[in-house]
Amino acid sequence: MAESDSNWPQIGNEQAIEFLNRAVSGGRIAQTYVFIGSDDLGKSTVALAFAHNLMSKVLGPQEGFNSDLHILKPDDGKKSISIEQVRQFIKDLSLSPFLNAYKIGIIKEADSLSSEAQSAILKTLEEPKGETVIILLAKSEENLLPTILSRGQKLYFNPVKAETIYDYLLTEHQAKRSLAKDLANLALGRPLKAARFLENPETYAAYLEKASLFLKLFNTGLNERLSVLDKLFSDKSYGVAALSGAEDILTMIEGLLRDLFLLHFNQPEKIQHSALAAELKEALQAIDILVASKNSNDNFSAFILLKFKLTAMAREYLLANVNPRLVLEQLVINL
């Protein structure tokens, strides 16, 4: 048996990687793994590295795509994986290995699988054929069948410290210190998000522009707010891209509200959007004036808490398949 040519991601997920590396080195491979954690923590990257290292352990160093590795994910423009895709995936895994080693299947967004699709996967787990390994990637355990969770080795992927991401951007990507600091803060523990913004400065600039536009809403009238929304989000369709874009906007809003709360209580070192410190201070001043002008017992904390609740309601409407543009319009009007 060839020695493993181990190659693992260089940031975050140390416990998960150490566990998987020991499994590869010792030959103690489970048939099912469940990687649990939010997006951009490296679940997919680690799953691919695990597959690569496992194949290398048996066959020697591997290059390029392996025909015995099968990846299941939603088709472009689709919200979830179809049952037809699942059936083809199961069929592919049931065939004999092309390279006389492992058959490895990676299921992305596994928590979006329907109960029918999960039941089909479960049958494969209950009746494994040969050296088959299935890795399910999920944001949480809530939408996965208990029987699948009970059969899998669960590994949790946690946020990475901002200091670690900062050092990673400096040493591995040669980022400027000020930019590395802002991106490390913005990433909120997700190193892949920081790296993606660094590699795509236009995307990063567009994000900051949208965040800055949102902060201006606290000092504008209703008509101006809808005009700002046109710049933030113009898609009026019900498509997957519109839903994803609206979810991104809500995530951004939650981060900005949190930053305003932290600034109000004199904790600027903890804010996520450090690149927008000046804009956040201006918005904070506008909110203070707005709260002071109201003849009520409302205070700043109550004001921000209400905005968080409105954002949470907006998420619920998106889950109920309400038009994303309409959801954001209602949110902007009531902020």
C-alpha atoms as a PDB file:
ATOM      1  CA  MET A   1       0.000   0.000   0.000  1.00  0.00           C
ATOM      2  CA  ALA A   2       1.365   3.417  -0.979  1.00  0.00           C
ATOM      3  CA  GLU A   3       2.217   5.978   1.636  1.00  0.00           C
ATOM      4  CA  SER A   4      -0.272   8.846   1.926  1.00  0.00           C
ATOM      5  CA  ASP A   5       0.718  12.090   0.225  1.00  0.00           C
ATOM      6  CA  SER A   6      -1.190  14.140   2.796  1.00  0.00           C
ATOM      7  CA  ASN A   7      -2.263  17.576   1.730  1.00  0.00           C
ATOM      8  CA  TRP A   8      -4.702  19.515   3.920  1.00  0.00           C
ATOM      9  CA  PRO A   9      -6.023  23.111   3.983  1.00  0.00           C
ATOM     10  CA  GLN A  10      -3.756  25.423   5.941  1.00  0.00           C
ATOM     11  CA  ILE A  11      -6.294  27.404   7.985  1.00  0.00           C
ATOM     12  CA  GLY A  12      -8.989  26.438  10.456  1.00  0.00           C
ATOM     13  CA  ASN A  13     -10.729  23.123  11.152  1.00  0.00           C
ATOM     14  CA  GLU A  14      -7.672  21.761  12.965  1.00  0.00           C
ATOM     15  CA  GLN A  15      -9.593  19.214  15.048  1.00  0.00           C
ATOM     16  CA  ALA A  16     -11.540  17.851  12.084  1.00  0.00           C
ATOM     17  CA  ILE A  17      -8.399  17.649   9.940  1.00  0.00           C
ATOM     18  CA  GLU A  18      -6.416  15.937  12.695  1.00  0.00           C
ATOM     19  CA  PHE A  19      -9.182  13.356  13.116  1.00  0.00           C
ATOM     20  CA  LEU A  20      -9.406  12.663   9.376  1.00  0.00           C
ATOM     21  CA  ASN A  21      -5.636  12.519   8.981  1.00  0.00           C
ATOM     22  CA  ARG A  22      -5.414   9.901  11.734  1.00  0.00           C
ATOM     23  CA  ALA A  23      -8.181   7.921  10.035  1.00  0.00           C
ATOM     24  CA  VAL A  24      -6.323   7.958   6.705  1.00  0.00           C
ATOM     25  CA  SER A  25      -2.970   7.096   8.272  1.00  0.00           C
ATOM     26  CA  GLY A  26      -4.403   4.299  10.396  1.00  0.00           C
ATOM     27  CA  GLY A  27      -6.787   2.941   7.773  1.00  0.00           C
ATOM     28  CA  ARG A  28      -9.773   3.388  10.106  1.00  0.00           C
ATOM     29  CA  ILE A  29     -12.233   4.785   7.596  1.00  0.00           C
ATOM     30  CA  ALA A  30     -15.919   5.133   8.392  1.00  0.00           C
ATOM     31  CA  GLN A  31     -18.427   4.633   5.608  1.00  0.00           C
ATOM     32  CA  THR A  32     -20.290   7.876   6.324  1.00  0.00           C
ATOM     33  CA  TYR A  33     -19.143  11.298   7.496  1.00  0.00           C
ATOM     34  CA  VAL A  34     -21.285  14.339   8.207  1.00  0.00           C
ATOM     35  CA  PHE A  35     -19.507  17.716   8.111  1.00  0.00           C
ATOM     36  CA  ILE A  36     -21.569  20.330   9.965  1.00  0.00           C
ATOM     37  CA  GLY A  37     -21.000  24.081   9.901  1.00  0.00           C
ATOM     38  CA  SER A  38     -21.995  27.308   8.171  1.00  0.00           C
ATOM     39  CA  ASP A  39     -20.863  28.277   4.683  1.00  0.00           C
ATOM     40  CA  ASP A  40     -17.288  29.369   3.935  1.00  0.00           C
ATOM     41  CA  LEU A  41     -15.713  27.421   6.800  1.00  0.00           C
ATOM     42  CA  GLY A  42     -14.012  24.979   4.444  1.00  0.00           C
ATOM     43  CA  LYS A  43     -16.262  21.893   4.637  1.00  0.00           C
ATOM     44  CA  SER A  44     -16.055  21.260   0.902  1.00  0.00           C
ATOM     45  CA  THR A  45     -12.305  21.960   0.782  1.00  0.00           C
ATOM     46  CA  VAL A  46     -11.622  19.511   3.608  1.00  0.00           C
ATOM     47  CA  ALA A  47     -13.918  16.886   2.050  1.00  0.00           C
ATOM     48  CA  LEU A  48     -11.997  17.076  -1.237  1.00  0.00           C
ATOM     49  CA  ALA A  49      -8.665  16.933   0.614  1.00  0.00           C
ATOM     50  CA  PHE A  50      -9.885  13.895   2.563  1.00  0.00           C
ATOM     51  CA  ALA A  51     -10.895  12.168  -0.689  1.00  0.00           C
ATOM     52  CA  HIS A  52      -7.547  13.034  -2.297  1.00  0.00           C
ATOM     53  CA  ASN A  53      -5.510  11.816   0.683  1.00  0.00           C
ATOM     54  CA  LEU A  54      -7.552   8.636   0.988  1.00  0.00           C
ATOM     55  CA  MET A  55      -7.002   7.809  -2.695  1.00  0.00           C
ATOM     56  CA  SER A  56      -3.310   8.675  -2.407  1.00  0.00           C
ATOM     57  CA  LYS A  57      -2.961   6.317   0.547  1.00  0.00           C
ATOM     58  CA  VAL A  58      -4.074   3.429  -1.668  1.00  0.00           C
ATOM     59  CA  LEU A  59      -2.863   4.407  -5.131  1.00  0.00           C
ATOM     60  CA  GLY A  60      -0.008   6.825  -4.567  1.00  0.00           C
ATOM     61  CA  PRO A  61       0.011  10.578  -5.373  1.00  0.00           C
ATOM     62  CA  GLN A  62      -3.052  11.679  -7.328  1.00  0.00           C
ATOM     63  CA  GLU A  63      -3.443  14.561  -9.746  1.00  0.00           C
ATOM     64  CA  GLY A  64      -6.580  16.019 -11.250  1.00  0.00           C
ATOM     65  CA  PHE A  65     -10.152  14.684 -10.942  1.00  0.00           C
ATOM     66  CA  ASN A  66     -10.571  11.062  -9.930  1.00  0.00           C
ATOM     67  CA  SER A  67     -13.268   9.097 -11.772  1.00  0.00           C
ATOM     68  CA  ASP A  68     -14.193   7.337  -8.523  1.00  0.00           C
ATOM     69  CA  LEU A  69     -15.070  10.648  -6.848  1.00  0.00           C
ATOM     70  CA  HIS A  70     -18.662  11.778  -7.319  1.00  0.00           C
ATOM     71  CA  ILE A  71     -20.018  15.133  -6.154  1.00  0.00           C
ATOM     72  CA  LEU A  72     -23.738  15.744  -5.689  1.00  0.00           C
ATOM     73  CA  LYS A  73     -25.015  19.330  -5.504  1.00  0.00           C
ATOM     74  CA  PRO A  74     -28.036  21.311  -6.727  1.00  0.00           C
ATOM     75  CA  ASP A  75     -28.097  21.979 -10.446  1.00  0.00           C
ATOM     76  CA  ASP A  76     -27.479  25.575 -11.506  1.00  0.00           C
ATOM     77  CA  GLY A  77     -30.546  27.693 -10.815  1.00  0.00           C
ATOM     78  CA  LYS A  78     -32.118  25.106  -8.497  1.00  0.00           C
ATOM     79  CA  LYS A  79     -32.762  25.451  -4.770  1.00  0.00           C
ATOM     80  CA  SER A  80     -32.194  21.820  -3.882  1.00  0.00           C
ATOM     81  CA  ILE A  81     -30.969  18.467  -5.146  1.00  0.00           C
ATOM     82  CA  SER A  82     -33.592  16.538  -7.117  1.00  0.00           C
ATOM     83  CA  ILE A  83     -34.510  12.918  -6.438  1.00  0.00           C
ATOM     84  CA  GLU A  84     -33.360  12.105  -9.994  1.00  0.00           C
ATOM     85  CA  GLN A  85     -29.890  13.431  -9.169  1.00  0.00           C
ATOM     86  CA  VAL A  86     -29.833  11.336  -6.006  1.00  0.00           C
ATOM     87  CA  ARG A  87     -30.761   8.174  -7.890  1.00  0.00           C
ATOM     88  CA  GLN A  88     -27.984   8.755 -10.439  1.00  0.00           C
ATOM     89  CA  PHE A  89     -25.545   9.448  -7.598  1.00  0.00           C
ATOM     90  CA  ILE A  90     -26.472   6.162  -5.917  1.00  0.00           C
ATOM     91  CA  LYS A  91     -26.110   4.316  -9.221  1.00  0.00           C
ATOM     92  CA  ASP A  92     -22.645   5.800  -9.755  1.00  0.00           C
ATOM     93  CA  LEU A  93     -21.532   4.727  -6.287  1.00  0.00           C
ATOM     94  CA  SER A  94     -22.873   1.208  -6.798  1.00  0.00           C
ATOM     95  CA  LEU A  95     -20.515   0.555  -9.711  1.00  0.00           C
ATOM     96  CA  SER A  96     -17.143  -1.083  -9.120  1.00  0.00           C
ATOM     97  CA  PRO A  97     -14.264   1.352  -8.550  1.00  0.00           C
ATOM     98  CA  PHE A  98     -12.511   2.312 -11.759  1.00  0.00           C
ATOM     99  CA  LEU A  99      -9.106   2.414 -10.047  1.00  0.00           C
ATOM    100  CA  ASN A 100      -9.678  -0.522  -7.702  1.00  0.00           C
ATOM    101  CA  ALA A 101      -9.709   1.696  -4.638  1.00  0.00           C
ATOM    102  CA  TYR A 102     -12.467   3.689  -2.917  1.00  0.00           C
ATOM    103  CA  LYS A 103     -15.695   5.050  -4.346  1.00  0.00           C
ATOM    104  CA  ILE A 104     -16.199   8.415  -2.662  1.00  0.00           C
ATOM    105  CA  GLY A 105     -19.354  10.518  -2.784  1.00  0.00           C
ATOM    106  CA  ILE A 106     -19.609  14.098  -1.525  1.00  0.00           C
ATOM    107  CA  ILE A 107     -23.081  15.564  -1.040  1.00  0.00           C
ATOM    108  CA  LYS A 108     -23.102  19.358  -0.835  1.00  0.00           C
ATOM    109  CA  GLU A 109     -26.022  21.139   0.870  1.00  0.00           C
ATOM    110  CA  ALA A 110     -27.182  17.774   2.199  1.00  0.00           C
ATOM    111  CA  ASP A 111     -29.647  19.468   4.538  1.00  0.00           C
ATOM    112  CA  SER A 112     -31.584  20.640   1.458  1.00  0.00           C
ATOM    113  CA  LEU A 113     -32.366  17.020   0.493  1.00  0.00           C
ATOM    114  CA  SER A 114     -36.012  16.034   0.698  1.00  0.00           C
ATOM    115  CA  SER A 115     -37.058  13.233   3.061  1.00  0.00           C
ATOM    116  CA  GLU A 116     -37.519  10.985   0.023  1.00  0.00           C
ATOM    117  CA  ALA A 117     -33.993  11.751  -1.205  1.00  0.00           C
ATOM    118  CA  GLN A 118     -32.510  11.185   2.258  1.00  0.00           C
ATOM    119  CA  SER A 119     -34.326   7.865   2.540  1.00  0.00           C
ATOM    120  CA  ALA A 120     -32.784   6.783  -0.772  1.00  0.00           C
ATOM    121  CA  ILE A 121     -29.331   7.778   0.521  1.00  0.00           C
ATOM    122  CA  LEU A 122     -30.029   5.933   3.781  1.00  0.00           C
ATOM    123  CA  LYS A 123     -30.695   2.687   1.893  1.00  0.00           C
ATOM    124  CA  THR A 124     -27.220   2.986   0.353  1.00  0.00           C
ATOM    125  CA  LEU A 125     -25.732   3.541   3.809  1.00  0.00           C
ATOM    126  CA  GLU A 126     -27.533   0.470   5.137  1.00  0.00           C
ATOM    127  CA  GLU A 127     -26.412  -1.711   2.246  1.00  0.00           C
ATOM    128  CA  PRO A 128     -22.892  -0.527   1.392  1.00  0.00           C
ATOM    129  CA  LYS A 129     -21.112  -1.990  -1.611  1.00  0.00           C
ATOM    130  CA  GLY A 130     -17.369  -2.390  -1.377  1.00  0.00           C
ATOM    131  CA  GLU A 131     -15.115   0.419  -0.212  1.00  0.00           C
ATOM    132  CA  THR A 132     -17.632   3.241  -0.433  1.00  0.00           C
ATOM    133  CA  VAL A 133     -17.336   6.473   1.558  1.00  0.00           C
ATOM    134  CA  ILE A 134     -20.075   9.120   1.597  1.00  0.00           C
ATOM    135  CA  ILE A 135     -19.499  12.616   2.993  1.00  0.00           C
ATOM    136  CA  LEU A 136     -22.517  14.821   3.654  1.00  0.00           C
ATOM    137  CA  LEU A 137     -21.974  18.582   4.011  1.00  0.00           C
ATOM    138  CA  ALA A 138     -24.655  20.450   5.957  1.00  0.00           C
ATOM    139  CA  LYS A 139     -25.137  23.790   7.681  1.00  0.00           C
ATOM    140  CA  SER A 140     -26.895  22.133  10.611  1.00  0.00           C
ATOM    141  CA  GLU A 141     -28.251  18.812  11.801  1.00  0.00           C
ATOM    142  CA  GLU A 142     -31.872  19.956  12.009  1.00  0.00           C
ATOM    143  CA  ASN A 143     -32.978  18.912   8.533  1.00  0.00           C
ATOM    144  CA  LEU A 144     -31.098  15.610   8.374  1.00  0.00           C
ATOM    145  CA  LEU A 145     -32.816  12.340   9.263  1.00  0.00           C
ATOM    146  CA  PRO A 146     -31.778  11.027  12.704  1.00  0.00           C
ATOM    147  CA  THR A 147     -31.054   7.648  11.108  1.00  0.00           C
ATOM    148  CA  ILE A 148     -28.507   9.258   8.781  1.00  0.00           C
ATOM    149  CA  LEU A 149     -26.884  11.152  11.657  1.00  0.00           C
ATOM    150  CA  SER A 150     -26.694   8.000  13.762  1.00  0.00           C
ATOM    151  CA  ARG A 151     -24.838   6.147  10.999  1.00  0.00           C
ATOM    152  CA  GLY A 152     -22.329   8.896  10.291  1.00  0.00           C
ATOM    153  CA  GLN A 153     -19.187  10.200  11.951  1.00  0.00           C
ATOM    154  CA  LYS A 154     -20.101  13.808  12.749  1.00  0.00           C
ATOM    155  CA  LEU A 155     -17.423  16.500  12.496  1.00  0.00           C
ATOM    156  CA  TYR A 156     -18.162  20.109  13.431  1.00  0.00           C
ATOM    157  CA  PHE A 157     -16.593  23.055  11.598  1.00  0.00           C
ATOM    158  CA  ASN A 158     -16.304  26.194  13.702  1.00  0.00           C
ATOM    159  CA  PRO A 159     -15.498  29.848  12.922  1.00  0.00           C
ATOM    160  CA  VAL A 160     -11.823  30.785  12.800  1.00  0.00           C
ATOM    161  CA  LYS A 161     -10.411  33.587  14.960  1.00  0.00           C
ATOM    162  CA  ALA A 162     -10.016  36.922  13.179  1.00  0.00           C
ATOM    163  CA  GLU A 163      -6.346  37.018  14.200  1.00  0.00           C
ATOM    164  CA  THR A 164      -5.762  33.667  12.485  1.00  0.00           C
ATOM    165  CA  ILE A 165      -7.476  34.815   9.292  1.00  0.00           C
ATOM    166  CA  TYR A 166      -5.462  38.049   9.404  1.00  0.00           C
ATOM    167  CA  ASP A 167      -2.167  36.136   9.649  1.00  0.00           C
ATOM    168  CA  TYR A 168      -3.284  33.782   6.883  1.00  0.00           C
ATOM    169  CA  LEU A 169      -4.061  36.665   4.510  1.00  0.00           C
ATOM    170  CA  LEU A 170      -0.671  38.234   5.232  1.00  0.00           C
ATOM    171  CA  THR A 171       1.468  35.113   4.890  1.00  0.00           C
ATOM    172  CA  GLU A 172      -0.375  33.118   2.236  1.00  0.00           C
ATOM    173  CA  HIS A 173      -1.836  35.929   0.123  1.00  0.00           C
ATOM    174  CA  GLN A 174       0.568  38.799   0.834  1.00  0.00           C
ATOM    175  CA  ALA A 175      -2.328  41.142   1.574  1.00  0.00           C
ATOM    176  CA  LYS A 176      -1.703  44.656   2.862  1.00  0.00           C
ATOM    177  CA  ARG A 177      -2.078  44.851   6.632  1.00  0.00           C
ATOM    178  CA  SER A 178      -4.983  47.306   6.678  1.00  0.00           C
ATOM    179  CA  LEU A 179      -6.908  45.311   4.068  1.00  0.00           C
ATOM    180  CA  ALA A 180      -6.153  42.020   5.821  1.00  0.00           C
ATOM    181  CA  LYS A 181      -7.510  43.438   9.072  1.00  0.00           C
ATOM    182  CA  ASP A 182     -10.729  44.692   7.451  1.00  0.00           C
ATOM    183  CA  LEU A 183     -11.297  41.403   5.617  1.00  0.00           C
ATOM    184  CA  ALA A 184     -10.567  39.313   8.714  1.00  0.00           C
ATOM    185  CA  ASN A 185     -13.168  41.324  10.627  1.00  0.00           C
ATOM    186  CA  LEU A 186     -15.697  41.197   7.801  1.00  0.00           C
ATOM    187  CA  ALA A 187     -15.376  37.428   7.379  1.00  0.00           C
ATOM    188  CA  LEU A 188     -16.776  36.704  10.872  1.00  0.00           C
ATOM    189  CA  GLY A 189     -14.700  33.571  11.224  1.00  0.00           C
ATOM    190  CA  ARG A 190     -15.101  32.386   7.621  1.00  0.00           C
ATOM    191  CA  PRO A 191     -11.639  32.329   6.009  1.00  0.00           C
ATOM    192  CA  LEU A 192     -12.917  31.412   2.544  1.00  0.00           C
ATOM    193  CA  LYS A 193     -15.084  34.522   2.490  1.00  0.00           C
ATOM    194  CA  ALA A 194     -12.078  36.700   3.349  1.00  0.00           C
ATOM    195  CA  ALA A 195      -9.954  35.026   0.660  1.00  0.00           C
ATOM    196  CA  ARG A 196     -12.725  35.376  -1.917  1.00  0.00           C
ATOM    197  CA  PHE A 197     -13.046  39.119  -1.288  1.00  0.00           C
ATOM    198  CA  LEU A 198      -9.275  39.502  -1.460  1.00  0.00           C
ATOM    199  CA  GLU A 199      -9.098  37.686  -4.797  1.00  0.00           C
ATOM    200  CA  ASN A 200     -12.068  39.635  -6.197  1.00  0.00           C
ATOM    201  CA  PRO A 201     -11.628  43.307  -5.245  1.00  0.00           C
ATOM    202  CA  GLU A 202     -14.581  44.329  -7.446  1.00  0.00           C
ATOM    203  CA  THR A 203     -16.881  42.065  -5.434  1.00  0.00           C
ATOM    204  CA  TYR A 204     -15.499  43.456  -2.181  1.00  0.00           C
ATOM    205  CA  ALA A 205     -15.979  47.040  -3.387  1.00  0.00           C
ATOM    206  CA  ALA A 206     -19.552  46.254  -4.458  1.00  0.00           C
ATOM    207  CA  TYR A 207     -20.299  44.778  -1.030  1.00  0.00           C
ATOM    208  CA  LEU A 208     -18.956  47.863   0.776  1.00  0.00           C
ATOM    209  CA  GLU A 209     -20.987  50.109  -1.515  1.00  0.00           C
ATOM    210  CA  LYS A 210     -24.182  48.231  -0.686  1.00  0.00           C
ATOM    211  CA  ALA A 211     -23.424  48.312   3.037  1.00  0.00           C
ATOM    212  CA  SER A 212     -22.748  52.048   2.849  1.00  0.00           C
ATOM    213  CA  LEU A 213     -26.025  52.600   0.969  1.00  0.00           C
ATOM    214  CA  PHE A 214     -27.955  50.716   3.614  1.00  0.00           C
ATOM    215  CA  LEU A 215     -26.497  52.828   6.408  1.00  0.00           C
ATOM    216  CA  LYS A 216     -27.844  55.952   4.681  1.00  0.00           C
ATOM    217  CA  LEU A 217     -31.403  54.649   5.079  1.00  0.00           C
ATOM    218  CA  PHE A 218     -31.512  55.858   8.693  1.00  0.00           C
ATOM    219  CA  ASN A 219     -31.299  59.441   7.480  1.00  0.00           C
ATOM    220  CA  THR A 220     -33.639  59.328   4.469  1.00  0.00           C
ATOM    221  CA  GLY A 221     -37.357  59.601   3.729  1.00  0.00           C
ATOM    222  CA  LEU A 222     -39.609  56.895   2.336  1.00  0.00           C
ATOM    223  CA  ASN A 223     -39.228  57.799  -1.352  1.00  0.00           C
ATOM    224  CA  GLU A 224     -35.462  57.978  -1.009  1.00  0.00           C
ATOM    225  CA  ARG A 225     -35.429  54.608   0.736  1.00  0.00           C
ATOM    226  CA  LEU A 226     -37.085  52.872  -2.198  1.00  0.00           C
ATOM    227  CA  SER A 227     -34.611  54.570  -4.515  1.00  0.00           C
ATOM    228  CA  VAL A 228     -31.762  53.240  -2.394  1.00  0.00           C
ATOM    229  CA  LEU A 229     -33.320  49.773  -2.503  1.00  0.00           C
ATOM    230  CA  ASP A 230     -33.233  49.900  -6.315  1.00  0.00           C
ATOM    231  CA  LYS A 231     -29.454  50.238  -6.047  1.00  0.00           C
ATOM    232  CA  LEU A 232     -29.193  47.561  -3.391  1.00  0.00           C
ATOM    233  CA  PHE A 233     -31.474  45.000  -5.011  1.00  0.00           C
ATOM    234  CA  SER A 234     -33.221  45.393  -8.354  1.00  0.00           C
ATOM    235  CA  ASP A 235     -34.144  41.754  -9.091  1.00  0.00           C
ATOM    236  CA  LYS A 236     -37.947  41.371  -9.040  1.00  0.00           C
ATOM    237  CA  SER A 237     -38.071  37.688  -9.969  1.00  0.00           C
ATOM    238  CA  TYR A 238     -38.765  34.629  -7.830  1.00  0.00           C
ATOM    239  CA  GLY A 239     -35.624  32.824  -9.014  1.00  0.00           C
ATOM    240  CA  VAL A 240     -32.887  31.178  -6.988  1.00  0.00           C
ATOM    241  CA  ALA A 241     -30.504  34.051  -7.725  1.00  0.00           C
ATOM    242  CA  ALA A 242     -33.029  36.560  -6.357  1.00  0.00           C
ATOM    243  CA  LEU A 243     -33.565  34.497  -3.209  1.00  0.00           C
ATOM    244  CA  SER A 244     -29.836  34.095  -2.633  1.00  0.00           C
ATOM    245  CA  GLY A 245     -29.248  37.807  -3.229  1.00  0.00           C
ATOM    246  CA  ALA A 246     -31.983  38.773  -0.773  1.00  0.00           C
ATOM    247  CA  GLU A 247     -30.549  36.418   1.851  1.00  0.00           C
ATOM    248  CA  ASP A 248     -27.140  38.034   1.377  1.00  0.00           C
ATOM    249  CA  ILE A 249     -28.681  41.473   1.895  1.00  0.00           C
ATOM    250  CA  LEU A 250     -30.353  40.330   5.128  1.00  0.00           C
ATOM    251  CA  THR A 251     -27.091  38.849   6.399  1.00  0.00           C
ATOM    252  CA  MET A 252     -25.351  42.140   5.629  1.00  0.00           C
ATOM    253  CA  ILE A 253     -28.075  44.102   7.435  1.00  0.00           C
ATOM    254  CA  GLU A 254     -27.781  41.912  10.535  1.00  0.00           C
ATOM    255  CA  GLY A 255     -24.037  42.503  10.606  1.00  0.00           C
ATOM    256  CA  LEU A 256     -24.450  46.263  10.272  1.00  0.00           C
ATOM    257  CA  LEU A 257     -27.088  46.388  13.015  1.00  0.00           C
ATOM    258  CA  ARG A 258     -24.749  44.444  15.279  1.00  0.00           C
ATOM    259  CA  ASP A 259     -21.947  46.916  14.497  1.00  0.00           C
ATOM    260  CA  LEU A 260     -24.174  49.870  15.348  1.00  0.00           C
ATOM    261  CA  PHE A 261     -25.043  48.245  18.651  1.00  0.00           C
ATOM    262  CA  LEU A 262     -21.364  47.647  19.467  1.00  0.00           C
ATOM    263  CA  LEU A 263     -20.374  51.189  18.542  1.00  0.00           C
ATOM    264  CA  HIS A 264     -23.154  52.616  20.674  1.00  0.00           C
ATOM    265  CA  PHE A 265     -21.720  50.758  23.658  1.00  0.00           C
ATOM    266  CA  ASN A 266     -18.135  51.785  22.869  1.00  0.00           C
ATOM    267  CA  GLN A 267     -16.780  48.498  21.528  1.00  0.00           C
ATOM    268  CA  PRO A 268     -15.368  49.546  18.122  1.00  0.00           C
ATOM    269  CA  GLU A 269     -12.690  46.839  18.238  1.00  0.00           C
ATOM    270  CA  LYS A 270     -15.403  44.187  17.823  1.00  0.00           C
ATOM    271  CA  ILE A 271     -17.217  45.541  14.769  1.00  0.00           C
ATOM    272  CA  GLN A 272     -17.430  43.471  11.609  1.00  0.00           C
ATOM    273  CA  HIS A 273     -17.409  46.295   9.066  1.00  0.00           C
ATOM    274  CA  SER A 274     -14.251  48.069  10.233  1.00  0.00           C
ATOM    275  CA  ALA A 275     -13.734  49.411   6.704  1.00  0.00           C
ATOM    276  CA  LEU A 276     -16.938  51.441   7.153  1.00  0.00           C
ATOM    277  CA  ALA A 277     -16.206  52.877  10.585  1.00  0.00           C
ATOM    278  CA  ALA A 278     -16.913  56.468   9.478  1.00  0.00           C
ATOM    279  CA  GLU A 279     -20.213  55.541   7.788  1.00  0.00           C
ATOM    280  CA  LEU A 280     -21.291  53.569  10.846  1.00  0.00           C
ATOM    281  CA  LYS A 281     -20.645  56.561  13.103  1.00  0.00           C
ATOM    282  CA  GLU A 282     -22.748  58.798  10.837  1.00  0.00           C
ATOM    283  CA  ALA A 283     -25.598  56.272  10.902  1.00  0.00           C
ATOM    284  CA  LEU A 284     -25.300  56.024  14.674  1.00  0.00           C
ATOM    285  CA  GLN A 285     -25.671  59.789  14.994  1.00  0.00           C
ATOM    286  CA  ALA A 286     -28.731  59.738  12.732  1.00  0.00           C
ATOM    287  CA  ILE A 287     -30.320  56.997  14.832  1.00  0.00           C
ATOM    288  CA  ASP A 288     -29.614  58.852  18.076  1.00  0.00           C
ATOM    289  CA  ILE A 289     -31.365  61.928  16.676  1.00  0.00           C
ATOM    290  CA  LEU A 290     -34.261  59.788  15.433  1.00  0.00           C
ATOM    291  CA  VAL A 291     -34.715  58.041  18.780  1.00  0.00           C
ATOM    292  CA  ALA A 292     -34.470  61.327  20.703  1.00  0.00           C
ATOM    293  CA  SER A 293     -37.139  62.916  18.503  1.00  0.00           C
ATOM    294  CA  LYS A 294     -39.756  60.326  19.417  1.00  0.00           C
ATOM    295  CA  ASN A 295     -42.086  61.054  22.308  1.00  0.00           C
ATOM    296  CA  SER A 296     -41.887  57.584  23.800  1.00  0.00           C
ATOM    297  CA  ASN A 297     -39.883  55.471  26.174  1.00  0.00           C
ATOM    298  CA  ASP A 298     -37.999  53.851  23.288  1.00  0.00           C
ATOM    299  CA  ASN A 299     -34.227  53.881  23.603  1.00  0.00           C
ATOM    300  CA  PHE A 300     -31.407  52.922  21.288  1.00  0.00           C
ATOM    301  CA  SER A 301     -31.375  49.253  22.344  1.00  0.00           C
ATOM    302  CA  ALA A 302     -35.112  48.906  21.752  1.00  0.00           C
ATOM    303  CA  PHE A 303     -34.722  50.591  18.351  1.00  0.00           C
ATOM    304  CA  ILE A 304     -32.006  48.178  17.204  1.00  0.00           C
ATOM    305  CA  LEU A 305     -33.807  45.154  18.667  1.00  0.00           C
ATOM    306  CA  LEU A 306     -36.892  46.039  16.631  1.00  0.00           C
ATOM    307  CA  LYS A 307     -34.787  46.180  13.451  1.00  0.00           C
ATOM    308  CA  PHE A 308     -33.362  42.744  14.235  1.00  0.00           C
ATOM    309  CA  LYS A 309     -36.905  41.404  14.639  1.00  0.00           C
ATOM    310  CA  LEU A 310     -37.972  42.926  11.322  1.00  0.00           C
ATOM    311  CA  THR A 311     -34.986  41.298   9.620  1.00  0.00           C
ATOM    312  CA  ALA A 312     -35.843  37.936  11.184  1.00  0.00           C
ATOM    313  CA  MET A 313     -39.420  38.287   9.916  1.00  0.00           C
ATOM    314  CA  ALA A 314     -38.077  39.042   6.455  1.00  0.00           C
ATOM    315  CA  ARG A 315     -36.160  35.752   6.529  1.00  0.00           C
ATOM    316  CA  GLU A 316     -39.355  33.908   7.446  1.00  0.00           C
ATOM    317  CA  TYR A 317     -41.144  35.478   4.473  1.00  0.00           C
ATOM    318  CA  LEU A 318     -38.347  34.351   2.165  1.00  0.00           C
ATOM    319  CA  LEU A 319     -38.715  30.797   3.477  1.00  0.00           C
ATOM    320  CA  ALA A 320     -42.446  31.078   2.726  1.00  0.00           C
ATOM    321  CA  ASN A 321     -41.573  31.883  -0.920  1.00  0.00           C
ATOM    322  CA  VAL A 322     -42.725  35.489  -0.824  1.00  0.00           C
ATOM    323  CA  ASN A 323     -41.192  37.539  -3.659  1.00  0.00           C
ATOM    324  CA  PRO A 324     -37.690  38.565  -2.431  1.00  0.00           C
ATOM    325  CA  ARG A 325     -37.974  42.113  -3.779  1.00  0.00           C
ATOM    326  CA  LEU A 326     -41.317  42.590  -1.993  1.00  0.00           C
ATOM    327  CA  VAL A 327     -39.809  41.265   1.245  1.00  0.00           C
ATOM    328  CA  LEU A 328     -36.964  43.785   1.082  1.00  0.00           C
ATOM    329  CA  GLU A 329     -39.331  46.626   0.182  1.00  0.00           C
ATOM    330  CA  GLN A 330     -41.392  45.982   3.312  1.00  0.00           C
ATOM    331  CA  LEU A 331     -38.252  45.788   5.411  1.00  0.00           C
ATOM    332  CA  VAL A 332     -36.843  49.061   4.060  1.00  0.00           C
ATOM    333  CA  ILE A 333     -40.153  50.859   4.523  1.00  0.00           C
ATOM    334  CA  ASN A 334     -40.408  49.795   8.169  1.00  0.00           C
ATOM    335  CA  LEU A 335     -36.801  50.259   9.236  1.00  0.00           C
END
